[in-house]
Amino acid sequence: MHMANQSISRNLIVCDLGEIKYQEAWDLQKKYFQQRTLGNVEDILFICEHPHTYTLGKVAHKENLLLNKSELTEKGIETFEIDRGGDITYHGPGQIVGYAILNLENWKKDTHLYLRSLEQTLINTCSDYGLDSERNEKFTGVWIKNRKICAIGIKISRWITMHGFAFNVNTDLNLFNGIIPCGITDKEVTTLSKRIKKNY
């Protein structure tokens, strides 16, 4: 019996949402995730920027949020407990956030490889700006001289991905003072613009 060669289509739609509230982007992710699970839509990467927001992953320690409710209200920061991996992180102006909803059955069914591929994409981006960045053996994300420039947190269900990365371009780093970023107490965060200026 002759079987025709079957090629898997691996199209990726890139959609720039601009500045969008976290709840709206999360709702959009969930809606698109469901449709991707049903096979009704293509793989997509949402790119966006959020107002001041702290998100706590499903294994987050709430004590890593250092501000109380009144302080959060005063600073105009929203908080969300969400279904990605990882601890607490900040989203806000000057940060590129990417949410990838992909069917890994069309790529490789390997969670570890997917995380490393996300890291490599951002490492390549830093390299395009003349910056040497790297992985950290203990912590997911992208680092420059022991300072985190990109946080990564994902969810995978039925080999469909959700959530993604938060890449600090010219983010106000003072907003990270309200949390222990990713629950890591002995490391700092940095931005693309800061590293370019210091060439460090």
N, C-alpha and C. Protein backbone atom coordinates (compact mmCIF):
# COMPACT_ATOMS: atom_id res chain seq x y z
N MET A 1 0.85 -1.19 0.00
CA MET A 1 0.00 0.00 0.00
C MET A 1 0.88 1.23 0.00
N HIS A 2 0.63 2.14 -0.89
CA HIS A 2 1.40 3.38 -0.97
C HIS A 2 0.80 4.43 -0.04
N MET A 3 1.67 5.05 0.78
CA MET A 3 1.22 6.12 1.67
C MET A 3 1.87 7.42 1.25
N ALA A 4 1.05 8.43 1.05
CA ALA A 4 1.58 9.74 0.64
C ALA A 4 2.34 10.37 1.80
N ASN A 5 3.39 11.08 1.47
CA ASN A 5 4.12 11.82 2.50
C ASN A 5 3.23 12.93 3.06
N GLN A 6 3.22 12.99 4.36
CA GLN A 6 2.42 14.03 5.02
C GLN A 6 3.35 15.05 5.67
N SER A 7 3.17 16.29 5.35
CA SER A 7 3.97 17.34 5.97
C SER A 7 3.08 18.11 6.94
N ILE A 8 3.68 18.44 8.08
CA ILE A 8 2.95 19.17 9.11
C ILE A 8 3.12 20.66 8.89
N SER A 9 2.00 21.35 8.82
CA SER A 9 2.05 22.81 8.69
C SER A 9 2.43 23.42 10.03
N ARG A 10 3.44 24.29 10.02
CA ARG A 10 3.89 24.90 11.26
C ARG A 10 3.89 26.42 11.11
N ASN A 11 2.72 26.94 10.82
CA ASN A 11 2.56 28.38 10.70
C ASN A 11 2.45 28.99 12.09
N LEU A 12 2.97 30.20 12.24
CA LEU A 12 2.85 30.93 13.50
C LEU A 12 2.35 32.33 13.20
N ILE A 13 1.20 32.66 13.77
CA ILE A 13 0.66 34.01 13.65
C ILE A 13 1.24 34.85 14.77
N VAL A 14 1.70 36.05 14.46
CA VAL A 14 2.18 36.98 15.48
C VAL A 14 1.20 38.14 15.55
N CYS A 15 0.66 38.38 16.74
CA CYS A 15 -0.37 39.40 16.93
C CYS A 15 0.08 40.39 18.00
N ASP A 16 0.25 41.65 17.61
CA ASP A 16 0.66 42.70 18.54
C ASP A 16 -0.60 43.33 19.15
N LEU A 17 -0.80 43.10 20.43
CA LEU A 17 -1.99 43.62 21.13
C LEU A 17 -1.79 45.03 21.65
N GLY A 18 -0.56 45.55 21.59
CA GLY A 18 -0.28 46.86 22.16
C GLY A 18 -0.40 46.82 23.67
N GLU A 19 -0.77 47.94 24.27
CA GLU A 19 -0.97 47.97 25.72
C GLU A 19 -2.36 47.44 26.04
N ILE A 20 -2.42 46.47 26.93
CA ILE A 20 -3.68 45.82 27.25
C ILE A 20 -3.67 45.41 28.72
N LYS A 21 -4.81 45.53 29.38
CA LYS A 21 -4.90 45.11 30.77
C LYS A 21 -4.65 43.61 30.87
N TYR A 22 -4.08 43.20 32.00
CA TYR A 22 -3.72 41.80 32.15
C TYR A 22 -4.94 40.89 32.01
N GLN A 23 -6.04 41.26 32.66
CA GLN A 23 -7.23 40.40 32.63
C GLN A 23 -7.72 40.18 31.20
N GLU A 24 -7.70 41.23 30.39
CA GLU A 24 -8.15 41.10 29.01
C GLU A 24 -7.25 40.15 28.23
N ALA A 25 -5.94 40.27 28.44
CA ALA A 25 -5.00 39.40 27.73
C ALA A 25 -5.14 37.96 28.20
N TRP A 26 -5.37 37.78 29.49
CA TRP A 26 -5.53 36.43 30.02
C TRP A 26 -6.80 35.77 29.48
N ASP A 27 -7.88 36.55 29.43
CA ASP A 27 -9.14 36.03 28.86
C ASP A 27 -8.95 35.64 27.40
N LEU A 28 -8.22 36.46 26.67
CA LEU A 28 -7.95 36.18 25.25
C LEU A 28 -7.13 34.90 25.11
N GLN A 29 -6.12 34.76 25.97
CA GLN A 29 -5.32 33.54 25.96
C GLN A 29 -6.18 32.30 26.17
N LYS A 30 -7.03 32.35 27.20
CA LYS A 30 -7.85 31.19 27.53
C LYS A 30 -8.80 30.84 26.39
N LYS A 31 -9.36 31.86 25.77
CA LYS A 31 -10.27 31.64 24.64
C LYS A 31 -9.52 31.00 23.47
N TYR A 32 -8.36 31.55 23.17
CA TYR A 32 -7.59 31.04 22.03
C TYR A 32 -7.04 29.65 22.33
N PHE A 33 -6.63 29.43 23.59
CA PHE A 33 -6.15 28.12 24.01
C PHE A 33 -7.20 27.04 23.76
N GLN A 34 -8.43 27.34 24.13
CA GLN A 34 -9.51 26.38 23.93
C GLN A 34 -9.70 26.07 22.44
N GLN A 35 -9.66 27.11 21.62
CA GLN A 35 -9.84 26.91 20.18
C GLN A 35 -8.65 26.18 19.56
N ARG A 36 -7.45 26.42 20.11
CA ARG A 36 -6.27 25.70 19.60
C ARG A 36 -6.35 24.22 19.97
N THR A 37 -6.87 23.94 21.16
CA THR A 37 -7.05 22.55 21.60
C THR A 37 -8.00 21.82 20.67
N LEU A 38 -9.02 22.53 20.18
CA LEU A 38 -10.00 21.94 19.27
C LEU A 38 -9.49 21.88 17.82
N GLY A 39 -8.36 22.52 17.57
CA GLY A 39 -7.81 22.52 16.22
C GLY A 39 -8.47 23.52 15.30
N ASN A 40 -9.15 24.51 15.87
CA ASN A 40 -9.88 25.48 15.05
C ASN A 40 -9.03 26.67 14.61
N VAL A 41 -7.86 26.84 15.22
CA VAL A 41 -7.02 28.00 14.92
C VAL A 41 -5.57 27.55 14.81
N GLU A 42 -4.72 28.44 14.27
CA GLU A 42 -3.29 28.18 14.11
C GLU A 42 -2.55 28.54 15.40
N ASP A 43 -1.28 28.13 15.47
CA ASP A 43 -0.41 28.60 16.54
C ASP A 43 -0.32 30.12 16.48
N ILE A 44 -0.21 30.74 17.65
CA ILE A 44 -0.16 32.20 17.69
C ILE A 44 0.78 32.67 18.80
N LEU A 45 1.40 33.81 18.57
CA LEU A 45 2.20 34.49 19.59
C LEU A 45 1.60 35.87 19.78
N PHE A 46 1.05 36.12 20.97
CA PHE A 46 0.56 37.44 21.32
C PHE A 46 1.70 38.24 21.94
N ILE A 47 1.93 39.43 21.42
CA ILE A 47 2.92 40.35 21.98
C ILE A 47 2.16 41.53 22.58
N CYS A 48 2.53 41.93 23.79
CA CYS A 48 1.79 43.02 24.41
C CYS A 48 2.61 43.69 25.51
N GLU A 49 1.99 44.69 26.10
CA GLU A 49 2.56 45.44 27.23
C GLU A 49 1.42 45.66 28.21
N HIS A 50 1.69 45.50 29.49
CA HIS A 50 0.63 45.63 30.50
C HIS A 50 0.83 46.88 31.37
N PRO A 51 -0.26 47.40 31.94
CA PRO A 51 -0.12 48.35 33.05
C PRO A 51 0.50 47.61 34.24
N HIS A 52 0.82 48.34 35.30
CA HIS A 52 1.49 47.74 36.46
C HIS A 52 0.70 46.54 37.01
N THR A 53 1.35 45.37 37.02
CA THR A 53 0.68 44.13 37.41
C THR A 53 1.68 43.19 38.07
N TYR A 54 1.24 42.54 39.13
CA TYR A 54 1.98 41.41 39.69
C TYR A 54 1.18 40.14 39.44
N THR A 55 1.84 39.09 38.95
CA THR A 55 1.16 37.81 38.78
C THR A 55 1.85 36.75 39.61
N LEU A 56 1.04 35.93 40.24
CA LEU A 56 1.54 34.84 41.08
C LEU A 56 1.20 33.52 40.42
N GLY A 57 2.24 32.74 40.10
CA GLY A 57 2.03 31.44 39.51
C GLY A 57 1.45 30.45 40.50
N LYS A 58 1.14 29.26 40.02
CA LYS A 58 0.43 28.29 40.85
C LYS A 58 1.26 27.74 42.01
N VAL A 59 2.58 27.93 41.96
CA VAL A 59 3.41 27.50 43.10
C VAL A 59 4.00 28.71 43.84
N ALA A 60 3.42 29.89 43.61
CA ALA A 60 3.95 31.10 44.22
C ALA A 60 3.76 31.09 45.73
N HIS A 61 4.71 31.70 46.43
CA HIS A 61 4.60 31.93 47.86
C HIS A 61 4.10 33.36 48.06
N LYS A 62 2.95 33.50 48.68
CA LYS A 62 2.32 34.81 48.79
C LYS A 62 3.15 35.80 49.59
N GLU A 63 4.04 35.30 50.44
CA GLU A 63 4.90 36.20 51.20
C GLU A 63 5.92 36.92 50.31
N ASN A 64 6.05 36.46 49.05
CA ASN A 64 6.95 37.14 48.11
C ASN A 64 6.33 38.41 47.52
N LEU A 65 5.06 38.63 47.83
CA LEU A 65 4.41 39.92 47.54
C LEU A 65 4.59 40.78 48.78
N LEU A 66 5.38 41.84 48.66
CA LEU A 66 5.81 42.62 49.82
C LEU A 66 4.90 43.79 50.15
N LEU A 67 3.97 44.11 49.26
CA LEU A 67 3.07 45.25 49.47
C LEU A 67 1.71 44.77 49.97
N ASN A 68 1.10 45.58 50.84
CA ASN A 68 -0.26 45.25 51.28
C ASN A 68 -1.28 45.85 50.30
N LYS A 69 -2.54 45.59 50.55
CA LYS A 69 -3.59 46.01 49.62
C LYS A 69 -3.63 47.52 49.42
N SER A 70 -3.49 48.26 50.50
CA SER A 70 -3.55 49.73 50.37
C SER A 70 -2.36 50.26 49.59
N GLU A 71 -1.19 49.65 49.77
CA GLU A 71 0.00 50.08 49.02
C GLU A 71 -0.16 49.74 47.54
N LEU A 72 -0.74 48.59 47.26
CA LEU A 72 -0.97 48.21 45.87
C LEU A 72 -1.94 49.18 45.20
N THR A 73 -3.00 49.55 45.94
CA THR A 73 -3.98 50.50 45.41
C THR A 73 -3.34 51.85 45.17
N GLU A 74 -2.53 52.29 46.12
CA GLU A 74 -1.87 53.59 46.01
C GLU A 74 -0.95 53.65 44.79
N LYS A 75 -0.28 52.57 44.52
CA LYS A 75 0.66 52.53 43.39
C LYS A 75 -0.01 52.12 42.08
N GLY A 76 -1.30 51.77 42.14
CA GLY A 76 -2.02 51.40 40.93
C GLY A 76 -1.58 50.07 40.34
N ILE A 77 -1.28 49.12 41.21
CA ILE A 77 -0.80 47.81 40.77
C ILE A 77 -1.89 46.76 40.99
N GLU A 78 -2.25 46.04 39.93
CA GLU A 78 -3.20 44.94 40.05
C GLU A 78 -2.43 43.63 40.33
N THR A 79 -3.09 42.69 40.99
CA THR A 79 -2.48 41.38 41.25
C THR A 79 -3.41 40.28 40.75
N PHE A 80 -2.80 39.20 40.27
CA PHE A 80 -3.55 38.05 39.76
C PHE A 80 -2.86 36.76 40.17
N GLU A 81 -3.66 35.80 40.62
CA GLU A 81 -3.18 34.45 40.84
C GLU A 81 -3.56 33.64 39.60
N ILE A 82 -2.56 33.12 38.92
CA ILE A 82 -2.80 32.52 37.60
C ILE A 82 -2.27 31.08 37.55
N ASP A 83 -2.47 30.45 36.39
CA ASP A 83 -2.23 29.02 36.27
C ASP A 83 -0.94 28.66 35.55
N ARG A 84 0.01 29.57 35.50
CA ARG A 84 1.32 29.21 34.94
C ARG A 84 2.22 28.65 36.04
N GLY A 85 3.36 28.11 35.63
CA GLY A 85 4.36 27.71 36.59
C GLY A 85 5.12 28.93 37.11
N GLY A 86 5.93 28.70 38.12
CA GLY A 86 6.76 29.78 38.64
C GLY A 86 6.12 30.51 39.79
N ASP A 87 6.85 31.47 40.32
CA ASP A 87 6.43 32.21 41.50
C ASP A 87 5.81 33.55 41.09
N ILE A 88 6.29 34.64 41.65
CA ILE A 88 5.69 35.95 41.39
C ILE A 88 6.58 36.76 40.45
N THR A 89 5.96 37.52 39.58
CA THR A 89 6.72 38.41 38.71
C THR A 89 5.94 39.69 38.46
N TYR A 90 6.63 40.64 37.85
CA TYR A 90 6.04 41.95 37.55
C TYR A 90 5.86 42.09 36.05
N HIS A 91 4.74 42.69 35.65
CA HIS A 91 4.52 43.12 34.27
C HIS A 91 4.19 44.61 34.29
N GLY A 92 4.74 45.34 33.32
CA GLY A 92 4.43 46.76 33.29
C GLY A 92 5.01 47.46 32.08
N PRO A 93 4.82 48.77 32.04
CA PRO A 93 5.31 49.57 30.91
C PRO A 93 6.81 49.36 30.69
N GLY A 94 7.21 49.35 29.43
CA GLY A 94 8.61 49.17 29.11
C GLY A 94 9.05 47.72 29.07
N GLN A 95 8.09 46.82 29.12
CA GLN A 95 8.38 45.38 29.11
C GLN A 95 7.61 44.72 27.96
N ILE A 96 8.30 43.90 27.20
CA ILE A 96 7.64 43.14 26.14
C ILE A 96 7.21 41.79 26.72
N VAL A 97 5.91 41.53 26.66
CA VAL A 97 5.37 40.27 27.16
C VAL A 97 4.92 39.45 25.95
N GLY A 98 5.30 38.19 25.95
CA GLY A 98 4.90 37.30 24.85
C GLY A 98 4.16 36.09 25.37
N TYR A 99 2.97 35.85 24.81
CA TYR A 99 2.17 34.69 25.17
C TYR A 99 2.05 33.79 23.95
N ALA A 100 2.67 32.62 24.03
CA ALA A 100 2.69 31.69 22.90
C ALA A 100 1.68 30.58 23.13
N ILE A 101 0.77 30.41 22.20
CA ILE A 101 -0.20 29.31 22.24
C ILE A 101 0.10 28.42 21.05
N LEU A 102 0.85 27.37 21.35
CA LEU A 102 1.37 26.48 20.31
C LEU A 102 0.94 25.04 20.58
N ASN A 103 0.76 24.29 19.53
CA ASN A 103 0.55 22.85 19.66
C ASN A 103 1.90 22.17 19.48
N LEU A 104 2.47 21.70 20.59
CA LEU A 104 3.81 21.11 20.53
C LEU A 104 3.83 19.78 19.80
N GLU A 105 2.67 19.20 19.53
CA GLU A 105 2.65 17.99 18.71
C GLU A 105 3.15 18.28 17.30
N ASN A 106 3.05 19.53 16.88
CA ASN A 106 3.55 19.93 15.56
C ASN A 106 5.03 20.32 15.61
N TRP A 107 5.59 20.37 16.80
CA TRP A 107 7.00 20.74 16.97
C TRP A 107 7.69 19.55 17.62
N LYS A 108 7.90 19.61 18.95
CA LYS A 108 8.41 18.46 19.69
C LYS A 108 7.72 18.42 21.04
N LYS A 109 7.25 17.23 21.42
CA LYS A 109 6.53 17.08 22.68
C LYS A 109 7.55 16.94 23.81
N ASP A 110 8.14 18.09 24.14
CA ASP A 110 9.22 18.11 25.12
C ASP A 110 9.17 19.45 25.86
N THR A 111 8.66 19.43 27.08
CA THR A 111 8.51 20.66 27.85
C THR A 111 9.86 21.33 28.11
N HIS A 112 10.84 20.54 28.47
CA HIS A 112 12.18 21.07 28.75
C HIS A 112 12.75 21.77 27.51
N LEU A 113 12.65 21.11 26.36
CA LEU A 113 13.15 21.71 25.12
C LEU A 113 12.42 22.99 24.79
N TYR A 114 11.11 23.02 25.03
CA TYR A 114 10.34 24.23 24.75
C TYR A 114 10.84 25.40 25.61
N LEU A 115 11.05 25.16 26.90
CA LEU A 115 11.56 26.21 27.78
C LEU A 115 12.94 26.69 27.31
N ARG A 116 13.81 25.75 26.98
CA ARG A 116 15.15 26.12 26.53
C ARG A 116 15.08 26.90 25.20
N SER A 117 14.11 26.57 24.36
CA SER A 117 13.96 27.29 23.09
C SER A 117 13.49 28.72 23.32
N LEU A 118 12.57 28.91 24.27
CA LEU A 118 12.16 30.27 24.61
C LEU A 118 13.35 31.07 25.12
N GLU A 119 14.13 30.46 26.00
CA GLU A 119 15.31 31.14 26.51
C GLU A 119 16.26 31.50 25.38
N GLN A 120 16.48 30.56 24.46
CA GLN A 120 17.42 30.81 23.37
C GLN A 120 16.96 31.95 22.48
N THR A 121 15.65 32.05 22.27
CA THR A 121 15.12 33.16 21.46
C THR A 121 15.49 34.50 22.08
N LEU A 122 15.36 34.61 23.41
CA LEU A 122 15.68 35.87 24.07
C LEU A 122 17.18 36.08 24.20
N ILE A 123 17.94 35.00 24.33
CA ILE A 123 19.40 35.11 24.31
C ILE A 123 19.85 35.66 22.96
N ASN A 124 19.24 35.17 21.88
CA ASN A 124 19.56 35.66 20.54
C ASN A 124 19.20 37.13 20.40
N THR A 125 18.08 37.53 21.01
CA THR A 125 17.65 38.93 20.96
C THR A 125 18.68 39.82 21.65
N CYS A 126 19.14 39.41 22.82
CA CYS A 126 20.17 40.18 23.52
C CYS A 126 21.43 40.28 22.68
N SER A 127 21.79 39.18 22.03
CA SER A 127 22.98 39.17 21.18
C SER A 127 22.86 40.16 20.03
N ASP A 128 21.64 40.32 19.50
CA ASP A 128 21.42 41.29 18.43
C ASP A 128 21.76 42.71 18.88
N TYR A 129 21.68 42.96 20.19
CA TYR A 129 22.01 44.27 20.75
C TYR A 129 23.41 44.31 21.35
N GLY A 130 24.22 43.30 21.04
CA GLY A 130 25.60 43.29 21.49
C GLY A 130 25.78 42.87 22.93
N LEU A 131 24.80 42.20 23.52
CA LEU A 131 24.86 41.81 24.91
C LEU A 131 24.99 40.30 25.04
N ASP A 132 25.89 39.89 25.92
CA ASP A 132 26.04 38.47 26.21
C ASP A 132 25.10 38.10 27.35
N SER A 133 24.19 37.19 27.08
CA SER A 133 23.27 36.71 28.10
C SER A 133 23.37 35.19 28.17
N GLU A 134 22.75 34.61 29.18
CA GLU A 134 22.92 33.18 29.39
C GLU A 134 21.77 32.60 30.19
N ARG A 135 21.77 31.28 30.28
CA ARG A 135 20.85 30.57 31.16
C ARG A 135 21.47 30.47 32.55
N ASN A 136 20.62 30.14 33.51
CA ASN A 136 21.07 29.83 34.86
C ASN A 136 20.64 28.39 35.14
N GLU A 137 21.56 27.57 35.59
CA GLU A 137 21.25 26.15 35.77
C GLU A 137 20.12 25.91 36.77
N LYS A 138 19.98 26.81 37.74
CA LYS A 138 18.99 26.61 38.79
C LYS A 138 17.64 27.24 38.48
N PHE A 139 17.66 28.31 37.66
CA PHE A 139 16.44 29.10 37.48
C PHE A 139 16.13 29.29 36.00
N THR A 140 14.86 29.12 35.64
CA THR A 140 14.41 29.39 34.27
C THR A 140 14.48 30.89 34.01
N GLY A 141 14.78 31.26 32.76
CA GLY A 141 14.84 32.66 32.39
C GLY A 141 16.14 32.97 31.67
N VAL A 142 16.36 34.27 31.43
CA VAL A 142 17.57 34.73 30.75
C VAL A 142 18.26 35.75 31.65
N TRP A 143 19.59 35.64 31.72
CA TRP A 143 20.36 36.40 32.69
C TRP A 143 21.53 37.11 32.02
N ILE A 144 21.87 38.28 32.55
CA ILE A 144 23.08 38.99 32.16
C ILE A 144 23.88 39.27 33.43
N LYS A 145 25.03 38.66 33.53
CA LYS A 145 25.89 38.85 34.71
C LYS A 145 25.11 38.64 36.01
N ASN A 146 24.38 37.56 36.09
CA ASN A 146 23.64 37.20 37.30
C ASN A 146 22.45 38.10 37.58
N ARG A 147 22.06 38.92 36.59
CA ARG A 147 20.87 39.76 36.72
C ARG A 147 19.85 39.28 35.70
N LYS A 148 18.61 39.10 36.14
CA LYS A 148 17.58 38.56 35.25
C LYS A 148 17.02 39.64 34.36
N ILE A 149 17.04 39.38 33.05
CA ILE A 149 16.47 40.32 32.09
C ILE A 149 15.16 39.81 31.51
N CYS A 150 14.91 38.51 31.64
CA CYS A 150 13.69 37.93 31.09
C CYS A 150 13.18 36.81 31.98
N ALA A 151 11.94 36.95 32.43
CA ALA A 151 11.28 35.89 33.20
C ALA A 151 10.44 35.04 32.26
N ILE A 152 10.36 33.75 32.55
CA ILE A 152 9.59 32.83 31.73
C ILE A 152 8.73 31.95 32.63
N GLY A 153 7.46 31.86 32.30
CA GLY A 153 6.55 30.99 33.03
C GLY A 153 5.49 30.47 32.07
N ILE A 154 5.27 29.17 32.05
CA ILE A 154 4.37 28.59 31.05
C ILE A 154 3.38 27.62 31.69
N LYS A 155 2.40 27.26 30.90
CA LYS A 155 1.49 26.17 31.20
C LYS A 155 1.38 25.33 29.93
N ILE A 156 1.39 24.00 30.10
CA ILE A 156 1.18 23.10 28.97
C ILE A 156 0.11 22.09 29.35
N SER A 157 -0.91 22.00 28.54
CA SER A 157 -1.98 21.03 28.75
C SER A 157 -2.34 20.41 27.40
N ARG A 158 -2.34 19.09 27.34
CA ARG A 158 -2.59 18.35 26.09
C ARG A 158 -1.62 18.82 25.00
N TRP A 159 -0.43 19.18 25.43
CA TRP A 159 0.64 19.66 24.55
C TRP A 159 0.34 21.01 23.88
N ILE A 160 -0.62 21.73 24.43
CA ILE A 160 -0.87 23.10 23.99
C ILE A 160 -0.28 24.04 25.05
N THR A 161 0.48 25.04 24.61
CA THR A 161 1.16 25.94 25.54
C THR A 161 0.32 27.19 25.81
N MET A 162 0.60 27.78 26.97
CA MET A 162 0.02 29.08 27.34
C MET A 162 1.08 29.89 28.09
N HIS A 163 0.79 31.17 28.29
CA HIS A 163 1.69 32.09 28.98
C HIS A 163 3.00 32.19 28.20
N GLY A 164 4.10 32.62 28.83
CA GLY A 164 5.31 32.80 28.05
C GLY A 164 6.40 33.57 28.76
N PHE A 165 6.78 34.73 28.19
CA PHE A 165 7.94 35.44 28.71
C PHE A 165 7.63 36.92 28.96
N ALA A 166 8.45 37.52 29.83
CA ALA A 166 8.39 38.96 30.11
C ALA A 166 9.81 39.50 30.01
N PHE A 167 10.07 40.27 28.96
CA PHE A 167 11.42 40.75 28.63
C PHE A 167 11.52 42.23 28.98
N ASN A 168 12.43 42.55 29.89
CA ASN A 168 12.59 43.93 30.37
C ASN A 168 13.39 44.75 29.37
N VAL A 169 12.73 45.70 28.72
CA VAL A 169 13.39 46.57 27.75
C VAL A 169 13.84 47.86 28.42
N ASN A 170 12.90 48.69 28.85
CA ASN A 170 13.24 49.89 29.63
C ASN A 170 12.29 50.02 30.81
N THR A 171 12.05 48.91 31.45
CA THR A 171 11.13 48.80 32.58
C THR A 171 11.66 49.58 33.78
N ASP A 172 10.75 50.18 34.55
CA ASP A 172 11.12 50.84 35.80
C ASP A 172 11.40 49.75 36.84
N LEU A 173 12.65 49.56 37.16
CA LEU A 173 13.03 48.46 38.05
C LEU A 173 12.56 48.68 39.49
N ASN A 174 12.18 49.90 39.82
CA ASN A 174 11.67 50.16 41.18
C ASN A 174 10.41 49.34 41.47
N LEU A 175 9.67 48.99 40.42
CA LEU A 175 8.44 48.22 40.62
C LEU A 175 8.73 46.80 41.08
N PHE A 176 9.94 46.33 40.86
CA PHE A 176 10.32 45.00 41.34
C PHE A 176 10.58 45.00 42.85
N ASN A 177 10.68 46.20 43.44
CA ASN A 177 10.93 46.28 44.88
C ASN A 177 9.72 45.84 45.70
N GLY A 178 8.55 45.77 45.07
CA GLY A 178 7.36 45.35 45.79
C GLY A 178 7.19 43.84 45.87
N ILE A 179 8.12 43.12 45.27
CA ILE A 179 8.05 41.65 45.28
C ILE A 179 9.46 41.09 45.47
N ILE A 180 9.51 39.79 45.73
CA ILE A 180 10.76 39.04 45.59
C ILE A 180 10.64 38.32 44.26
N PRO A 181 11.23 38.89 43.19
CA PRO A 181 10.97 38.38 41.84
C PRO A 181 11.29 36.90 41.70
N CYS A 182 10.29 36.16 41.26
CA CYS A 182 10.41 34.71 41.05
C CYS A 182 10.81 33.98 42.32
N GLY A 183 10.66 34.65 43.47
CA GLY A 183 11.00 34.04 44.74
C GLY A 183 12.49 33.91 44.97
N ILE A 184 13.30 34.61 44.18
CA ILE A 184 14.76 34.52 44.27
C ILE A 184 15.28 35.71 45.06
N THR A 185 15.89 35.44 46.20
CA THR A 185 16.26 36.52 47.12
C THR A 185 17.66 37.10 46.89
N ASP A 186 18.51 36.38 46.18
CA ASP A 186 19.92 36.79 46.11
C ASP A 186 20.34 37.26 44.72
N LYS A 187 19.36 37.61 43.87
CA LYS A 187 19.71 38.07 42.54
C LYS A 187 18.89 39.31 42.17
N GLU A 188 19.42 40.09 41.24
CA GLU A 188 18.77 41.33 40.82
C GLU A 188 18.11 41.15 39.46
N VAL A 189 17.35 42.18 39.07
CA VAL A 189 16.79 42.23 37.72
C VAL A 189 17.44 43.37 36.96
N THR A 190 17.34 43.34 35.66
CA THR A 190 17.94 44.38 34.84
C THR A 190 17.08 44.59 33.60
N THR A 191 17.48 45.55 32.76
CA THR A 191 16.75 45.85 31.53
C THR A 191 17.71 45.92 30.35
N LEU A 192 17.16 45.79 29.17
CA LEU A 192 17.95 45.90 27.95
C LEU A 192 18.60 47.28 27.85
N SER A 193 17.83 48.33 28.09
CA SER A 193 18.36 49.69 27.95
C SER A 193 19.49 49.96 28.95
N LYS A 194 19.33 49.47 30.17
CA LYS A 194 20.35 49.69 31.19
C LYS A 194 21.65 48.98 30.82
N ARG A 195 21.54 47.76 30.32
CA ARG A 195 22.75 47.02 29.97
C ARG A 195 23.44 47.61 28.74
N ILE A 196 22.64 48.12 27.80
CA ILE A 196 23.23 48.74 26.60
C ILE A 196 24.01 49.99 27.01
N LYS A 197 23.44 50.80 27.90
CA LYS A 197 24.12 52.03 28.33
C LYS A 197 25.41 51.73 29.07
N LYS A 198 25.38 50.69 29.90
CA LYS A 198 26.56 50.34 30.67
C LYS A 198 27.51 49.44 29.89
N ASN A 199 26.96 48.85 28.78
CA ASN A 199 27.71 47.85 28.01
C ASN A 199 28.28 46.80 28.94
N TYR A 200 27.39 46.31 29.83
CA TYR A 200 27.81 45.41 30.91
C TYR A 200 26.98 44.16 30.93
